[in-house]
Amino acid sequence: MPKVKGKRKKRHTASTVTRITLQPHQVILRPLVTEKGMHRSTRYNAYAFEVNRLATKVDVRRAVEDLFNVKVESVRTQNRRGKPRRSRFRYGYTKDWKKAVVKLNAEYRIDFF
């Protein structure tokens, strides 16, 4: 009888994993207009957005390029925890959310105002 090695684990590939497809207007929820964000946009040409929690970096890149007609260099994402809040005698948390910082090519700009 031949020796039987351990079973091989089936690896998931992009074709086997089904994923929800988001439209560009579903990916970007709102721009984050803050003092720090304005500093980043003027100095580094980087803009911050609140994005859908299911969105990937590739989804964010496509959405920004489609909605604002710009060329994206890089995308960085953060998963942010909700903050603790209190209403009268009850304690709770705000919802968790995802933040994306998108750096644009030097030739492009986004005007929020």
PDB file of N, CA and C in Angstrom:
ATOM      1  N   MET A   1       0.817  -1.181   0.000  1.00  0.00           N
ATOM      2  CA  MET A   1       0.000   0.000   0.000  1.00  0.00           C
ATOM      3  C   MET A   1       0.865   1.249   0.000  1.00  0.00           C
ATOM      4  N   PRO A   2       0.507   2.229  -0.858  1.00  0.00           N
ATOM      5  CA  PRO A   2       1.299   3.459  -0.874  1.00  0.00           C
ATOM      6  C   PRO A   2       0.996   4.326   0.345  1.00  0.00           C
ATOM      7  N   LYS A   3       1.991   5.079   0.720  1.00  0.00           N
ATOM      8  CA  LYS A   3       1.812   5.987   1.845  1.00  0.00           C
ATOM      9  C   LYS A   3       0.882   7.124   1.440  1.00  0.00           C
ATOM     10  N   VAL A   4      -0.003   7.497   2.329  1.00  0.00           N
ATOM     11  CA  VAL A   4      -0.923   8.605   2.061  1.00  0.00           C
ATOM     12  C   VAL A   4      -0.494   9.773   2.941  1.00  0.00           C
ATOM     13  N   LYS A   5      -0.122  10.827   2.276  1.00  0.00           N
ATOM     14  CA  LYS A   5       0.241  12.017   3.033  1.00  0.00           C
ATOM     15  C   LYS A   5      -1.029  12.708   3.507  1.00  0.00           C
ATOM     16  N   GLY A   6      -0.887  13.672   4.402  1.00  0.00           N
ATOM     17  CA  GLY A   6      -2.036  14.396   4.940  1.00  0.00           C
ATOM     18  C   GLY A   6      -2.868  15.052   3.854  1.00  0.00           C
ATOM     19  N   LYS A   7      -4.130  15.265   4.149  1.00  0.00           N
ATOM     20  CA  LYS A   7      -5.017  15.889   3.170  1.00  0.00           C
ATOM     21  C   LYS A   7      -4.563  17.318   2.905  1.00  0.00           C
ATOM     22  N   ARG A   8      -4.690  17.709   1.666  1.00  0.00           N
ATOM     23  CA  ARG A   8      -4.369  19.090   1.333  1.00  0.00           C
ATOM     24  C   ARG A   8      -5.570  19.962   1.608  1.00  0.00           C
ATOM     25  N   LYS A   9      -5.302  21.122   2.151  1.00  0.00           N
ATOM     26  CA  LYS A   9      -6.375  22.062   2.412  1.00  0.00           C
ATOM     27  C   LYS A   9      -6.716  22.786   1.118  1.00  0.00           C
ATOM     28  N   LYS A  10      -7.984  22.964   0.887  1.00  0.00           N
ATOM     29  CA  LYS A  10      -8.401  23.685  -0.302  1.00  0.00           C
ATOM     30  C   LYS A  10      -8.218  25.178  -0.056  1.00  0.00           C
ATOM     31  N   ARG A  11      -7.520  25.802  -0.954  1.00  0.00           N
ATOM     32  CA  ARG A  11      -7.290  27.241  -0.821  1.00  0.00           C
ATOM     33  C   ARG A  11      -8.354  27.987  -1.587  1.00  0.00           C
ATOM     34  N   HIS A  12      -8.790  29.093  -1.007  1.00  0.00           N
ATOM     35  CA  HIS A  12      -9.775  29.926  -1.689  1.00  0.00           C
ATOM     36  C   HIS A  12      -9.058  30.837  -2.669  1.00  0.00           C
ATOM     37  N   THR A  13      -9.534  30.851  -3.870  1.00  0.00           N
ATOM     38  CA  THR A  13      -9.007  31.772  -4.858  1.00  0.00           C
ATOM     39  C   THR A  13     -10.060  32.827  -5.128  1.00  0.00           C
ATOM     40  N   ALA A  14      -9.692  33.826  -5.882  1.00  0.00           N
ATOM     41  CA  ALA A  14     -10.618  34.916  -6.171  1.00  0.00           C
ATOM     42  C   ALA A  14     -11.870  34.410  -6.881  1.00  0.00           C
ATOM     43  N   SER A  15     -11.736  33.342  -7.648  1.00  0.00           N
ATOM     44  CA  SER A  15     -12.892  32.846  -8.385  1.00  0.00           C
ATOM     45  C   SER A  15     -13.848  32.045  -7.499  1.00  0.00           C
ATOM     46  N   THR A  16     -13.355  31.461  -6.403  1.00  0.00           N
ATOM     47  CA  THR A  16     -14.226  30.650  -5.560  1.00  0.00           C
ATOM     48  C   THR A  16     -14.928  31.472  -4.490  1.00  0.00           C
ATOM     49  N   VAL A  17     -14.360  32.600  -4.103  1.00  0.00           N
ATOM     50  CA  VAL A  17     -14.964  33.421  -3.072  1.00  0.00           C
ATOM     51  C   VAL A  17     -15.929  34.408  -3.718  1.00  0.00           C
ATOM     52  N   THR A  18     -17.199  34.358  -3.309  1.00  0.00           N
ATOM     53  CA  THR A  18     -18.159  35.313  -3.850  1.00  0.00           C
ATOM     54  C   THR A  18     -18.193  36.531  -2.954  1.00  0.00           C
ATOM     55  N   ARG A  19     -18.262  37.675  -3.586  1.00  0.00           N
ATOM     56  CA  ARG A  19     -18.168  38.936  -2.880  1.00  0.00           C
ATOM     57  C   ARG A  19     -19.238  39.874  -3.390  1.00  0.00           C
ATOM     58  N   ILE A  20     -19.726  40.718  -2.525  1.00  0.00           N
ATOM     59  CA  ILE A  20     -20.720  41.698  -2.938  1.00  0.00           C
ATOM     60  C   ILE A  20     -20.026  42.775  -3.777  1.00  0.00           C
ATOM     61  N   THR A  21     -20.679  43.220  -4.831  1.00  0.00           N
ATOM     62  CA  THR A  21     -20.116  44.259  -5.682  1.00  0.00           C
ATOM     63  C   THR A  21     -20.792  45.578  -5.346  1.00  0.00           C
ATOM     64  N   LEU A  22     -19.995  46.564  -4.951  1.00  0.00           N
ATOM     65  CA  LEU A  22     -20.520  47.871  -4.572  1.00  0.00           C
ATOM     66  C   LEU A  22     -20.372  48.858  -5.715  1.00  0.00           C
ATOM     67  N   GLN A  23     -21.367  49.696  -5.893  1.00  0.00           N
ATOM     68  CA  GLN A  23     -21.302  50.788  -6.862  1.00  0.00           C
ATOM     69  C   GLN A  23     -20.489  51.923  -6.252  1.00  0.00           C
ATOM     70  N   PRO A  24     -19.890  52.807  -7.087  1.00  0.00           N
ATOM     71  CA  PRO A  24     -19.070  53.903  -6.540  1.00  0.00           C
ATOM     72  C   PRO A  24     -19.799  54.776  -5.524  1.00  0.00           C
ATOM     73  N   HIS A  25     -21.082  55.055  -5.750  1.00  0.00           N
ATOM     74  CA  HIS A  25     -21.807  55.900  -4.798  1.00  0.00           C
ATOM     75  C   HIS A  25     -22.132  55.159  -3.505  1.00  0.00           C
ATOM     76  N   GLN A  26     -21.990  53.832  -3.486  1.00  0.00           N
ATOM     77  CA  GLN A  26     -22.192  53.065  -2.265  1.00  0.00           C
ATOM     78  C   GLN A  26     -20.905  52.933  -1.466  1.00  0.00           C
ATOM     79  N   VAL A  27     -19.765  53.103  -2.118  1.00  0.00           N
ATOM     80  CA  VAL A  27     -18.468  52.945  -1.452  1.00  0.00           C
ATOM     81  C   VAL A  27     -18.154  54.176  -0.611  1.00  0.00           C
ATOM     82  N   ILE A  28     -18.210  55.364  -1.220  1.00  0.00           N
ATOM     83  CA  ILE A  28     -17.866  56.604  -0.526  1.00  0.00           C
ATOM     84  C   ILE A  28     -19.111  57.127   0.170  1.00  0.00           C
ATOM     85  N   LEU A  29     -19.096  57.185   1.494  1.00  0.00           N
ATOM     86  CA  LEU A  29     -20.257  57.660   2.238  1.00  0.00           C
ATOM     87  C   LEU A  29     -20.226  59.172   2.418  1.00  0.00           C
ATOM     88  N   ARG A  30     -19.063  59.731   2.769  1.00  0.00           N
ATOM     89  CA  ARG A  30     -18.943  61.182   2.912  1.00  0.00           C
ATOM     90  C   ARG A  30     -17.469  61.558   3.012  1.00  0.00           C
ATOM     91  N   PRO A  31     -17.129  62.774   2.606  1.00  0.00           N
ATOM     92  CA  PRO A  31     -15.751  63.234   2.821  1.00  0.00           C
ATOM     93  C   PRO A  31     -15.584  63.669   4.279  1.00  0.00           C
ATOM     94  N   LEU A  32     -14.392  63.485   4.810  1.00  0.00           N
ATOM     95  CA  LEU A  32     -14.104  63.927   6.175  1.00  0.00           C
ATOM     96  C   LEU A  32     -13.380  65.266   6.090  1.00  0.00           C
ATOM     97  N   VAL A  33     -14.102  66.338   6.355  1.00  0.00           N
ATOM     98  CA  VAL A  33     -13.549  67.688   6.270  1.00  0.00           C
ATOM     99  C   VAL A  33     -13.173  68.119   7.681  1.00  0.00           C
ATOM    100  N   THR A  34     -11.879  68.010   8.002  1.00  0.00           N
ATOM    101  CA  THR A  34     -11.365  68.374   9.320  1.00  0.00           C
ATOM    102  C   THR A  34     -10.130  69.260   9.131  1.00  0.00           C
ATOM    103  N   GLU A  35      -9.643  69.825  10.215  1.00  0.00           N
ATOM    104  CA  GLU A  35      -8.425  70.646  10.122  1.00  0.00           C
ATOM    105  C   GLU A  35      -7.245  69.801   9.640  1.00  0.00           C
ATOM    106  N   LYS A  36      -7.117  68.626  10.200  1.00  0.00           N
ATOM    107  CA  LYS A  36      -6.023  67.740   9.804  1.00  0.00           C
ATOM    108  C   LYS A  36      -6.173  67.341   8.335  1.00  0.00           C
ATOM    109  N   GLY A  37      -7.402  67.066   7.929  1.00  0.00           N
ATOM    110  CA  GLY A  37      -7.658  66.698   6.540  1.00  0.00           C
ATOM    111  C   GLY A  37      -7.345  67.827   5.575  1.00  0.00           C
ATOM    112  N   MET A  38      -7.670  69.063   5.952  1.00  0.00           N
ATOM    113  CA  MET A  38      -7.368  70.211   5.094  1.00  0.00           C
ATOM    114  C   MET A  38      -5.852  70.405   4.972  1.00  0.00           C
ATOM    115  N   HIS A  39      -5.151  70.182   6.070  1.00  0.00           N
ATOM    116  CA  HIS A  39      -3.686  70.267   6.036  1.00  0.00           C
ATOM    117  C   HIS A  39      -3.113  69.210   5.095  1.00  0.00           C
ATOM    118  N   ARG A  40      -3.621  67.980   5.202  1.00  0.00           N
ATOM    119  CA  ARG A  40      -3.167  66.900   4.320  1.00  0.00           C
ATOM    120  C   ARG A  40      -3.450  67.205   2.849  1.00  0.00           C
ATOM    121  N   SER A  41      -4.614  67.786   2.589  1.00  0.00           N
ATOM    122  CA  SER A  41      -4.993  68.032   1.203  1.00  0.00           C
ATOM    123  C   SER A  41      -4.129  69.121   0.581  1.00  0.00           C
ATOM    124  N   THR A  42      -3.779  70.153   1.334  1.00  0.00           N
ATOM    125  CA  THR A  42      -2.947  71.220   0.767  1.00  0.00           C
ATOM    126  C   THR A  42      -1.484  70.810   0.662  1.00  0.00           C
ATOM    127  N   ARG A  43      -0.971  70.103   1.648  1.00  0.00           N
ATOM    128  CA  ARG A  43       0.446  69.765   1.646  1.00  0.00           C
ATOM    129  C   ARG A  43       0.764  68.477   0.883  1.00  0.00           C
ATOM    130  N   TYR A  44      -0.033  67.425   1.097  1.00  0.00           N
ATOM    131  CA  TYR A  44       0.291  66.113   0.531  1.00  0.00           C
ATOM    132  C   TYR A  44      -0.662  65.658  -0.571  1.00  0.00           C
ATOM    133  N   ASN A  45      -1.669  66.462  -0.878  1.00  0.00           N
ATOM    134  CA  ASN A  45      -2.674  66.121  -1.882  1.00  0.00           C
ATOM    135  C   ASN A  45      -3.356  64.791  -1.533  1.00  0.00           C
ATOM    136  N   ALA A  46      -3.689  64.640  -0.246  1.00  0.00           N
ATOM    137  CA  ALA A  46      -4.347  63.433   0.254  1.00  0.00           C
ATOM    138  C   ALA A  46      -5.683  63.827   0.874  1.00  0.00           C
ATOM    139  N   TYR A  47      -6.719  63.055   0.593  1.00  0.00           N
ATOM    140  CA  TYR A  47      -8.072  63.366   1.043  1.00  0.00           C
ATOM    141  C   TYR A  47      -8.632  62.194   1.826  1.00  0.00           C
ATOM    142  N   ALA A  48      -9.420  62.493   2.870  1.00  0.00           N
ATOM    143  CA  ALA A  48      -9.982  61.453   3.728  1.00  0.00           C
ATOM    144  C   ALA A  48     -11.484  61.312   3.472  1.00  0.00           C
ATOM    145  N   PHE A  49     -11.958  60.063   3.481  1.00  0.00           N
ATOM    146  CA  PHE A  49     -13.361  59.763   3.267  1.00  0.00           C
ATOM    147  C   PHE A  49     -13.812  58.711   4.263  1.00  0.00           C
ATOM    148  N   GLU A  50     -15.092  58.786   4.644  1.00  0.00           N
ATOM    149  CA  GLU A  50     -15.701  57.665   5.348  1.00  0.00           C
ATOM    150  C   GLU A  50     -16.230  56.742   4.271  1.00  0.00           C
ATOM    151  N   VAL A  51     -15.857  55.464   4.338  1.00  0.00           N
ATOM    152  CA  VAL A  51     -16.233  54.522   3.294  1.00  0.00           C
ATOM    153  C   VAL A  51     -17.007  53.353   3.896  1.00  0.00           C
ATOM    154  N   ASN A  52     -17.667  52.613   3.028  1.00  0.00           N
ATOM    155  CA  ASN A  52     -18.415  51.430   3.419  1.00  0.00           C
ATOM    156  C   ASN A  52     -17.466  50.417   4.058  1.00  0.00           C
ATOM    157  N   ARG A  53     -17.911  49.761   5.115  1.00  0.00           N
ATOM    158  CA  ARG A  53     -17.034  48.814   5.824  1.00  0.00           C
ATOM    159  C   ARG A  53     -16.686  47.601   4.984  1.00  0.00           C
ATOM    160  N   LEU A  54     -17.483  47.294   3.965  1.00  0.00           N
ATOM    161  CA  LEU A  54     -17.209  46.147   3.107  1.00  0.00           C
ATOM    162  C   LEU A  54     -16.262  46.485   1.964  1.00  0.00           C
ATOM    163  N   ALA A  55     -15.964  47.765   1.766  1.00  0.00           N
ATOM    164  CA  ALA A  55     -15.153  48.202   0.626  1.00  0.00           C
ATOM    165  C   ALA A  55     -13.678  47.878   0.845  1.00  0.00           C
ATOM    166  N   THR A  56     -13.008  47.468  -0.235  1.00  0.00           N
ATOM    167  CA  THR A  56     -11.571  47.216  -0.201  1.00  0.00           C
ATOM    168  C   THR A  56     -10.841  48.435  -0.755  1.00  0.00           C
ATOM    169  N   LYS A  57      -9.517  48.399  -0.717  1.00  0.00           N
ATOM    170  CA  LYS A  57      -8.730  49.500  -1.255  1.00  0.00           C
ATOM    171  C   LYS A  57      -8.978  49.674  -2.748  1.00  0.00           C
ATOM    172  N   VAL A  58      -9.129  48.569  -3.455  1.00  0.00           N
ATOM    173  CA  VAL A  58      -9.389  48.624  -4.899  1.00  0.00           C
ATOM    174  C   VAL A  58     -10.746  49.273  -5.159  1.00  0.00           C
ATOM    175  N   ASP A  59     -11.753  48.932  -4.342  1.00  0.00           N
ATOM    176  CA  ASP A  59     -13.076  49.544  -4.487  1.00  0.00           C
ATOM    177  C   ASP A  59     -13.011  51.051  -4.262  1.00  0.00           C
ATOM    178  N   VAL A  60     -12.263  51.470  -3.244  1.00  0.00           N
ATOM    179  CA  VAL A  60     -12.139  52.898  -2.930  1.00  0.00           C
ATOM    180  C   VAL A  60     -11.437  53.622  -4.071  1.00  0.00           C
ATOM    181  N   ARG A  61     -10.372  53.038  -4.601  1.00  0.00           N
ATOM    182  CA  ARG A  61      -9.643  53.643  -5.718  1.00  0.00           C
ATOM    183  C   ARG A  61     -10.572  53.869  -6.913  1.00  0.00           C
ATOM    184  N   ARG A  62     -11.314  52.818  -7.283  1.00  0.00           N
ATOM    185  CA  ARG A  62     -12.230  52.928  -8.428  1.00  0.00           C
ATOM    186  C   ARG A  62     -13.302  53.982  -8.197  1.00  0.00           C
ATOM    187  N   ALA A  63     -13.863  54.002  -6.982  1.00  0.00           N
ATOM    188  CA  ALA A  63     -14.945  54.928  -6.669  1.00  0.00           C
ATOM    189  C   ALA A  63     -14.479  56.379  -6.743  1.00  0.00           C
ATOM    190  N   VAL A  64     -13.306  56.678  -6.175  1.00  0.00           N
ATOM    191  CA  VAL A  64     -12.793  58.054  -6.199  1.00  0.00           C
ATOM    192  C   VAL A  64     -12.472  58.466  -7.625  1.00  0.00           C
ATOM    193  N   GLU A  65     -11.855  57.580  -8.393  1.00  0.00           N
ATOM    194  CA  GLU A  65     -11.524  57.915  -9.782  1.00  0.00           C
ATOM    195  C   GLU A  65     -12.786  58.150 -10.612  1.00  0.00           C
ATOM    196  N   ASP A  66     -13.833  57.352 -10.380  1.00  0.00           N
ATOM    197  CA  ASP A  66     -15.068  57.513 -11.141  1.00  0.00           C
ATOM    198  C   ASP A  66     -15.848  58.760 -10.728  1.00  0.00           C
ATOM    199  N   LEU A  67     -15.993  58.980  -9.426  1.00  0.00           N
ATOM    200  CA  LEU A  67     -16.836  60.073  -8.952  1.00  0.00           C
ATOM    201  C   LEU A  67     -16.209  61.455  -9.127  1.00  0.00           C
ATOM    202  N   PHE A  68     -14.881  61.561  -8.971  1.00  0.00           N
ATOM    203  CA  PHE A  68     -14.234  62.868  -9.004  1.00  0.00           C
ATOM    204  C   PHE A  68     -13.364  63.097 -10.245  1.00  0.00           C
ATOM    205  N   ASN A  69     -13.264  62.107 -11.135  1.00  0.00           N
ATOM    206  CA  ASN A  69     -12.453  62.218 -12.358  1.00  0.00           C
ATOM    207  C   ASN A  69     -11.008  62.627 -12.054  1.00  0.00           C
ATOM    208  N   VAL A  70     -10.361  61.854 -11.186  1.00  0.00           N
ATOM    209  CA  VAL A  70      -8.977  62.102 -10.797  1.00  0.00           C
ATOM    210  C   VAL A  70      -8.189  60.802 -10.937  1.00  0.00           C
ATOM    211  N   LYS A  71      -6.862  60.891 -10.768  1.00  0.00           N
ATOM    212  CA  LYS A  71      -5.977  59.724 -10.807  1.00  0.00           C
ATOM    213  C   LYS A  71      -5.440  59.488  -9.400  1.00  0.00           C
ATOM    214  N   VAL A  72      -5.694  58.296  -8.846  1.00  0.00           N
ATOM    215  CA  VAL A  72      -5.302  57.964  -7.472  1.00  0.00           C
ATOM    216  C   VAL A  72      -3.940  57.288  -7.479  1.00  0.00           C
ATOM    217  N   GLU A  73      -3.047  57.736  -6.591  1.00  0.00           N
ATOM    218  CA  GLU A  73      -1.729  57.103  -6.443  1.00  0.00           C
ATOM    219  C   GLU A  73      -1.770  55.979  -5.418  1.00  0.00           C
ATOM    220  N   SER A  74      -2.349  56.258  -4.232  1.00  0.00           N
ATOM    221  CA  SER A  74      -2.376  55.233  -3.188  1.00  0.00           C
ATOM    222  C   SER A  74      -3.606  55.404  -2.316  1.00  0.00           C
ATOM    223  N   VAL A  75      -3.977  54.309  -1.649  1.00  0.00           N
ATOM    224  CA  VAL A  75      -5.114  54.305  -0.731  1.00  0.00           C
ATOM    225  C   VAL A  75      -4.670  53.641   0.564  1.00  0.00           C
ATOM    226  N   ARG A  76      -4.952  54.290   1.677  1.00  0.00           N
ATOM    227  CA  ARG A  76      -4.696  53.706   2.997  1.00  0.00           C
ATOM    228  C   ARG A  76      -6.015  53.659   3.749  1.00  0.00           C
ATOM    229  N   THR A  77      -6.286  52.555   4.426  1.00  0.00           N
ATOM    230  CA  THR A  77      -7.554  52.408   5.131  1.00  0.00           C
ATOM    231  C   THR A  77      -7.324  52.153   6.615  1.00  0.00           C
ATOM    232  N   GLN A  78      -8.330  52.539   7.395  1.00  0.00           N
ATOM    233  CA  GLN A  78      -8.321  52.295   8.837  1.00  0.00           C
ATOM    234  C   GLN A  78      -9.704  51.828   9.245  1.00  0.00           C
ATOM    235  N   ASN A  79      -9.770  50.828  10.097  1.00  0.00           N
ATOM    236  CA  ASN A  79     -11.036  50.442  10.720  1.00  0.00           C
ATOM    237  C   ASN A  79     -11.107  51.139  12.065  1.00  0.00           C
ATOM    238  N   ARG A  80     -12.076  52.022  12.223  1.00  0.00           N
ATOM    239  CA  ARG A  80     -12.196  52.838  13.426  1.00  0.00           C
ATOM    240  C   ARG A  80     -13.258  52.258  14.352  1.00  0.00           C
ATOM    241  N   ARG A  81     -12.970  52.218  15.633  1.00  0.00           N
ATOM    242  CA  ARG A  81     -13.933  51.728  16.621  1.00  0.00           C
ATOM    243  C   ARG A  81     -14.911  52.845  16.980  1.00  0.00           C
ATOM    244  N   GLY A  82     -16.118  52.439  17.354  1.00  0.00           N
ATOM    245  CA  GLY A  82     -17.100  53.413  17.820  1.00  0.00           C
ATOM    246  C   GLY A  82     -16.711  53.952  19.188  1.00  0.00           C
ATOM    247  N   LYS A  83     -17.162  55.180  19.480  1.00  0.00           N
ATOM    248  CA  LYS A  83     -16.837  55.808  20.761  1.00  0.00           C
ATOM    249  C   LYS A  83     -17.922  55.505  21.788  1.00  0.00           C
ATOM    250  N   PRO A  84     -17.542  55.422  23.064  1.00  0.00           N
ATOM    251  CA  PRO A  84     -18.561  55.212  24.097  1.00  0.00           C
ATOM    252  C   PRO A  84     -19.414  56.472  24.275  1.00  0.00           C
ATOM    253  N   ARG A  85     -20.711  56.282  24.399  1.00  0.00           N
ATOM    254  CA  ARG A  85     -21.636  57.391  24.580  1.00  0.00           C
ATOM    255  C   ARG A  85     -22.632  57.025  25.672  1.00  0.00           C
ATOM    256  N   ARG A  86     -23.224  58.075  26.299  1.00  0.00           N
ATOM    257  CA  ARG A  86     -24.186  57.841  27.354  1.00  0.00           C
ATOM    258  C   ARG A  86     -25.416  58.696  27.113  1.00  0.00           C
ATOM    259  N   SER A  87     -26.572  58.092  27.277  1.00  0.00           N
ATOM    260  CA  SER A  87     -27.825  58.827  27.198  1.00  0.00           C
ATOM    261  C   SER A  87     -28.606  58.543  28.471  1.00  0.00           C
ATOM    262  N   ARG A  88     -28.746  59.507  29.308  1.00  0.00           N
ATOM    263  CA  ARG A  88     -29.350  59.349  30.636  1.00  0.00           C
ATOM    264  C   ARG A  88     -28.630  58.263  31.424  1.00  0.00           C
ATOM    265  N   PHE A  89     -29.300  57.127  31.643  1.00  0.00           N
ATOM    266  CA  PHE A  89     -28.704  56.096  32.490  1.00  0.00           C
ATOM    267  C   PHE A  89     -28.148  54.931  31.696  1.00  0.00           C
ATOM    268  N   ARG A  90     -28.223  55.007  30.398  1.00  0.00           N
ATOM    269  CA  ARG A  90     -27.764  53.895  29.551  1.00  0.00           C
ATOM    270  C   ARG A  90     -26.438  54.234  28.894  1.00  0.00           C
ATOM    271  N   TYR A  91     -25.619  53.217  28.776  1.00  0.00           N
ATOM    272  CA  TYR A  91     -24.349  53.364  28.105  1.00  0.00           C
ATOM    273  C   TYR A  91     -24.388  52.596  26.791  1.00  0.00           C
ATOM    274  N   GLY A  92     -23.705  53.107  25.797  1.00  0.00           N
ATOM    275  CA  GLY A  92     -23.650  52.420  24.516  1.00  0.00           C
ATOM    276  C   GLY A  92     -22.453  52.901  23.726  1.00  0.00           C
ATOM    277  N   TYR A  93     -22.375  52.482  22.486  1.00  0.00           N
ATOM    278  CA  TYR A  93     -21.275  52.852  21.611  1.00  0.00           C
ATOM    279  C   TYR A  93     -21.837  53.332  20.282  1.00  0.00           C
ATOM    280  N   THR A  94     -21.136  54.260  19.644  1.00  0.00           N
ATOM    281  CA  THR A  94     -21.474  54.607  18.274  1.00  0.00           C
ATOM    282  C   THR A  94     -20.975  53.475  17.389  1.00  0.00           C
ATOM    283  N   LYS A  95     -21.442  53.448  16.153  1.00  0.00           N
ATOM    284  CA  LYS A  95     -21.087  52.325  15.286  1.00  0.00           C
ATOM    285  C   LYS A  95     -19.625  52.398  14.854  1.00  0.00           C
ATOM    286  N   ASP A  96     -19.028  51.252  14.590  1.00  0.00           N
ATOM    287  CA  ASP A  96     -17.695  51.195  14.019  1.00  0.00           C
ATOM    288  C   ASP A  96     -17.772  51.670  12.577  1.00  0.00           C
ATOM    289  N   TRP A  97     -16.669  52.239  12.060  1.00  0.00           N
ATOM    290  CA  TRP A  97     -16.674  52.742  10.696  1.00  0.00           C
ATOM    291  C   TRP A  97     -15.303  52.613  10.076  1.00  0.00           C
ATOM    292  N   LYS A  98     -15.226  52.811   8.781  1.00  0.00           N
ATOM    293  CA  LYS A  98     -13.979  52.657   8.047  1.00  0.00           C
ATOM    294  C   LYS A  98     -13.596  53.989   7.430  1.00  0.00           C
ATOM    295  N   LYS A  99     -12.319  54.315   7.522  1.00  0.00           N
ATOM    296  CA  LYS A  99     -11.783  55.571   7.000  1.00  0.00           C
ATOM    297  C   LYS A  99     -10.766  55.239   5.914  1.00  0.00           C
ATOM    298  N   ALA A 100     -10.785  56.014   4.838  1.00  0.00           N
ATOM    299  CA  ALA A 100      -9.811  55.823   3.765  1.00  0.00           C
ATOM    300  C   ALA A 100      -9.131  57.152   3.481  1.00  0.00           C
ATOM    301  N   VAL A 101      -7.803  57.136   3.418  1.00  0.00           N
ATOM    302  CA  VAL A 101      -7.023  58.313   3.030  1.00  0.00           C
ATOM    303  C   VAL A 101      -6.488  58.037   1.636  1.00  0.00           C
ATOM    304  N   VAL A 102      -6.894  58.886   0.689  1.00  0.00           N
ATOM    305  CA  VAL A 102      -6.593  58.680  -0.724  1.00  0.00           C
ATOM    306  C   VAL A 102      -5.608  59.752  -1.167  1.00  0.00           C
ATOM    307  N   LYS A 103      -4.456  59.320  -1.672  1.00  0.00           N
ATOM    308  CA  LYS A 103      -3.463  60.258  -2.178  1.00  0.00           C
ATOM    309  C   LYS A 103      -3.606  60.336  -3.696  1.00  0.00           C
ATOM    310  N   LEU A 104      -3.703  61.572  -4.201  1.00  0.00           N
ATOM    311  CA  LEU A 104      -3.914  61.795  -5.632  1.00  0.00           C
ATOM    312  C   LEU A 104      -2.610  62.125  -6.336  1.00  0.00           C
ATOM    313  N   ASN A 105      -2.626  61.961  -7.654  1.00  0.00           N
ATOM    314  CA  ASN A 105      -1.523  62.383  -8.499  1.00  0.00           C
ATOM    315  C   ASN A 105      -1.357  63.900  -8.352  1.00  0.00           C
ATOM    316  N   ALA A 106      -0.154  64.417  -8.554  1.00  0.00           N
ATOM    317  CA  ALA A 106       0.137  65.836  -8.316  1.00  0.00           C
ATOM    318  C   ALA A 106      -0.677  66.770  -9.207  1.00  0.00           C
ATOM    319  N   GLU A 107      -1.138  66.300 -10.352  1.00  0.00           N
ATOM    320  CA  GLU A 107      -1.870  67.171 -11.288  1.00  0.00           C
ATOM    321  C   GLU A 107      -3.320  67.382 -10.892  1.00  0.00           C
ATOM    322  N   TYR A 108      -3.858  66.553 -10.011  1.00  0.00           N
ATOM    323  CA  TYR A 108      -5.289  66.564  -9.713  1.00  0.00           C
ATOM    324  C   TYR A 108      -5.578  67.143  -8.339  1.00  0.00           C
ATOM    325  N   ARG A 109      -6.780  67.711  -8.190  1.00  0.00           N
ATOM    326  CA  ARG A 109      -7.275  68.262  -6.932  1.00  0.00           C
ATOM    327  C   ARG A 109      -8.756  67.946  -6.799  1.00  0.00           C
ATOM    328  N   ILE A 110      -9.251  67.902  -5.575  1.00  0.00           N
ATOM    329  CA  ILE A 110     -10.690  67.781  -5.312  1.00  0.00           C
ATOM    330  C   ILE A 110     -11.090  68.995  -4.488  1.00  0.00           C
ATOM    331  N   ASP A 111     -12.113  69.717  -4.956  1.00  0.00           N
ATOM    332  CA  ASP A 111     -12.620  70.876  -4.216  1.00  0.00           C
ATOM    333  C   ASP A 111     -13.920  70.492  -3.538  1.00  0.00           C
ATOM    334  N   PHE A 112     -13.944  70.561  -2.195  1.00  0.00           N
ATOM    335  CA  PHE A 112     -15.148  70.255  -1.446  1.00  0.00           C
ATOM    336  C   PHE A 112     -16.002  71.488  -1.225  1.00  0.00           C
ATOM    337  N   PHE A 113     -15.420  72.661  -1.397  1.00  0.00           N
ATOM    338  CA  PHE A 113     -16.174  73.898  -1.135  1.00  0.00           C
ATOM    339  C   PHE A 113     -16.385  74.646  -2.423  1.00  0.00           C
TER     340      PHE A 113
END
